[in-house]
Amino acid sequence: MSDPDVVAKVSRGLGEAMVGINVEDAAPPGRARLVGMDEWILLGDVFDAAMERRGWDARALAASLGLALPTVEVLRDLRVSRSAARELCAALGIDVAEVARRNE
């Protein structure tokens, strides 16, 4: 990253830059926010609901997801759409509405 020639070389052919999300449009930490017909759900809320419902600790949750514990800790702060959260909740045996109530 500190050598501009290397950055230019590896950046060739990447195409147009991706469109970003303005910070003002992002959901506030730990809160769901309506975006059209969808909501952003914090993965940490999904994880907490699953651990509470199943009586798991963080290691059991990580094992059930097939992930390393540090990976689960990093993912806690990620926000996903309600539809993506619904799929994860179904896999964990919980209802996405249960998670959404945590944000009210």
C-alpha atoms as a PDB file:
ATOM      1  CA  MET A   1       0.000   0.000   0.000  1.00  0.00           C
ATOM      2  CA  SER A   2       2.938   2.372   0.462  1.00  0.00           C
ATOM      3  CA  ASP A   3       4.441   1.818  -3.011  1.00  0.00           C
ATOM      4  CA  PRO A   4       2.300   3.667  -5.591  1.00  0.00           C
ATOM      5  CA  ASP A   5       3.805   1.691  -8.487  1.00  0.00           C
ATOM      6  CA  VAL A   6       2.739  -1.618  -6.947  1.00  0.00           C
ATOM      7  CA  VAL A   7      -0.734  -0.271  -6.168  1.00  0.00           C
ATOM      8  CA  ALA A   8      -1.107   0.965  -9.767  1.00  0.00           C
ATOM      9  CA  LYS A   9       0.085  -2.370 -11.165  1.00  0.00           C
ATOM     10  CA  VAL A  10      -2.288  -4.555  -9.130  1.00  0.00           C
ATOM     11  CA  SER A  11      -5.181  -2.112  -9.689  1.00  0.00           C
ATOM     12  CA  ARG A  12      -5.146  -2.354 -13.488  1.00  0.00           C
ATOM     13  CA  GLY A  13      -8.295  -3.791 -15.012  1.00  0.00           C
ATOM     14  CA  LEU A  14     -10.431  -3.505 -11.865  1.00  0.00           C
ATOM     15  CA  GLY A  15     -13.104  -1.460 -13.633  1.00  0.00           C
ATOM     16  CA  GLU A  16     -15.359   1.168 -12.095  1.00  0.00           C
ATOM     17  CA  ALA A  17     -15.342   1.866  -8.376  1.00  0.00           C
ATOM     18  CA  MET A  18     -18.187   0.406  -6.320  1.00  0.00           C
ATOM     19  CA  VAL A  19     -20.916   2.712  -5.062  1.00  0.00           C
ATOM     20  CA  GLY A  20     -20.615   3.202  -1.312  1.00  0.00           C
ATOM     21  CA  ILE A  21     -23.109   3.819   1.462  1.00  0.00           C
ATOM     22  CA  ASN A  22     -23.152   7.197   3.172  1.00  0.00           C
ATOM     23  CA  VAL A  23     -22.546   7.014   6.902  1.00  0.00           C
ATOM     24  CA  GLU A  24     -25.745   8.995   7.437  1.00  0.00           C
ATOM     25  CA  ASP A  25     -27.721   6.257   5.632  1.00  0.00           C
ATOM     26  CA  ALA A  26     -26.308   3.383   7.681  1.00  0.00           C
ATOM     27  CA  ALA A  27     -28.219   1.932  10.621  1.00  0.00           C
ATOM     28  CA  PRO A  28     -27.094   3.242  14.007  1.00  0.00           C
ATOM     29  CA  PRO A  29     -25.101   0.717  16.078  1.00  0.00           C
ATOM     30  CA  GLY A  30     -27.289  -1.965  17.597  1.00  0.00           C
ATOM     31  CA  ARG A  31     -30.490  -0.721  15.972  1.00  0.00           C
ATOM     32  CA  ALA A  32     -32.584  -1.905  13.054  1.00  0.00           C
ATOM     33  CA  ARG A  33     -33.532   0.744  10.502  1.00  0.00           C
ATOM     34  CA  LEU A  34     -36.163   0.584   7.799  1.00  0.00           C
ATOM     35  CA  VAL A  35     -34.713   0.767   4.312  1.00  0.00           C
ATOM     36  CA  GLY A  36     -37.554   0.475   1.822  1.00  0.00           C
ATOM     37  CA  MET A  37     -39.242  -2.793   2.713  1.00  0.00           C
ATOM     38  CA  ASP A  38     -36.213  -4.214   4.478  1.00  0.00           C
ATOM     39  CA  GLU A  39     -34.434  -3.656   7.793  1.00  0.00           C
ATOM     40  CA  TRP A  40     -30.809  -3.873   8.746  1.00  0.00           C
ATOM     41  CA  ILE A  41     -30.249  -6.350  11.585  1.00  0.00           C
ATOM     42  CA  LEU A  42     -27.099  -6.493  13.684  1.00  0.00           C
ATOM     43  CA  LEU A  43     -25.605 -10.005  13.586  1.00  0.00           C
ATOM     44  CA  GLY A  44     -24.692  -9.643  17.247  1.00  0.00           C
ATOM     45  CA  ASP A  45     -28.417  -9.495  18.039  1.00  0.00           C
ATOM     46  CA  VAL A  46     -28.992 -12.689  16.039  1.00  0.00           C
ATOM     47  CA  PHE A  47     -26.113 -14.388  17.850  1.00  0.00           C
ATOM     48  CA  ASP A  48     -27.334 -13.228  21.277  1.00  0.00           C
ATOM     49  CA  ALA A  49     -30.874 -14.463  20.604  1.00  0.00           C
ATOM     50  CA  ALA A  50     -29.568 -17.848  19.453  1.00  0.00           C
ATOM     51  CA  MET A  51     -27.292 -18.214  22.493  1.00  0.00           C
ATOM     52  CA  GLU A  52     -30.106 -17.224  24.845  1.00  0.00           C
ATOM     53  CA  ARG A  53     -32.653 -19.554  23.203  1.00  0.00           C
ATOM     54  CA  ARG A  54     -30.295 -22.541  23.012  1.00  0.00           C
ATOM     55  CA  GLY A  55     -28.341 -21.968  26.219  1.00  0.00           C
ATOM     56  CA  TRP A  56     -25.106 -21.732  24.233  1.00  0.00           C
ATOM     57  CA  ASP A  57     -21.966 -19.828  24.990  1.00  0.00           C
ATOM     58  CA  ALA A  58     -19.987 -18.072  22.231  1.00  0.00           C
ATOM     59  CA  ARG A  59     -17.884 -21.180  21.543  1.00  0.00           C
ATOM     60  CA  ALA A  60     -20.971 -23.355  21.008  1.00  0.00           C
ATOM     61  CA  LEU A  61     -22.432 -20.724  18.693  1.00  0.00           C
ATOM     62  CA  ALA A  62     -19.198 -20.565  16.683  1.00  0.00           C
ATOM     63  CA  ALA A  63     -19.122 -24.359  16.440  1.00  0.00           C
ATOM     64  CA  SER A  64     -22.755 -24.478  15.261  1.00  0.00           C
ATOM     65  CA  LEU A  65     -21.895 -21.984  12.514  1.00  0.00           C
ATOM     66  CA  GLY A  66     -18.697 -23.813  11.585  1.00  0.00           C
ATOM     67  CA  LEU A  67     -16.653 -20.710  12.333  1.00  0.00           C
ATOM     68  CA  ALA A  68     -13.718 -19.872  14.557  1.00  0.00           C
ATOM     69  CA  LEU A  69     -14.638 -17.887  17.674  1.00  0.00           C
ATOM     70  CA  PRO A  70     -12.611 -14.808  16.586  1.00  0.00           C
ATOM     71  CA  THR A  71     -14.548 -14.771  13.302  1.00  0.00           C
ATOM     72  CA  VAL A  72     -17.865 -14.765  15.158  1.00  0.00           C
ATOM     73  CA  GLU A  73     -16.646 -11.876  17.325  1.00  0.00           C
ATOM     74  CA  VAL A  74     -15.767  -9.849  14.223  1.00  0.00           C
ATOM     75  CA  LEU A  75     -19.131 -10.626  12.604  1.00  0.00           C
ATOM     76  CA  ARG A  76     -21.078  -9.369  15.664  1.00  0.00           C
ATOM     77  CA  ASP A  77     -20.798  -5.762  14.447  1.00  0.00           C
ATOM     78  CA  LEU A  78     -21.954  -6.521  10.897  1.00  0.00           C
ATOM     79  CA  ARG A  79     -25.432  -5.443   9.806  1.00  0.00           C
ATOM     80  CA  VAL A  80     -27.341  -7.610   7.333  1.00  0.00           C
ATOM     81  CA  SER A  81     -30.720  -7.283   5.636  1.00  0.00           C
ATOM     82  CA  ARG A  82     -33.759  -8.721   7.373  1.00  0.00           C
ATOM     83  CA  SER A  83     -34.032 -11.380   4.664  1.00  0.00           C
ATOM     84  CA  ALA A  84     -30.429 -12.493   5.241  1.00  0.00           C
ATOM     85  CA  ALA A  85     -31.002 -12.452   9.001  1.00  0.00           C
ATOM     86  CA  ARG A  86     -34.161 -14.548   8.499  1.00  0.00           C
ATOM     87  CA  GLU A  87     -32.141 -17.258   6.749  1.00  0.00           C
ATOM     88  CA  LEU A  88     -29.514 -17.308   9.478  1.00  0.00           C
ATOM     89  CA  CYS A  89     -32.195 -17.366  12.182  1.00  0.00           C
ATOM     90  CA  ALA A  90     -33.891 -20.332  10.510  1.00  0.00           C
ATOM     91  CA  ALA A  91     -30.574 -22.190  10.466  1.00  0.00           C
ATOM     92  CA  LEU A  92     -30.113 -21.408  14.172  1.00  0.00           C
ATOM     93  CA  GLY A  93     -33.691 -22.369  15.066  1.00  0.00           C
ATOM     94  CA  ILE A  94     -34.913 -18.920  16.102  1.00  0.00           C
ATOM     95  CA  ASP A  95     -37.435 -16.452  14.684  1.00  0.00           C
ATOM     96  CA  VAL A  96     -36.192 -13.195  13.127  1.00  0.00           C
ATOM     97  CA  ALA A  97     -39.059 -11.381  14.887  1.00  0.00           C
ATOM     98  CA  GLU A  98     -37.453 -12.398  18.184  1.00  0.00           C
ATOM     99  CA  VAL A  99     -34.291 -10.629  17.058  1.00  0.00           C
ATOM    100  CA  ALA A 100     -36.117  -7.566  15.742  1.00  0.00           C
ATOM    101  CA  ARG A 101     -37.804  -7.126  19.162  1.00  0.00           C
ATOM    102  CA  ARG A 102     -34.342  -6.660  20.668  1.00  0.00           C
ATOM    103  CA  ASN A 103     -34.018  -3.502  18.546  1.00  0.00           C
ATOM    104  CA  GLU A 104     -37.270  -1.875  19.691  1.00  0.00           C
END
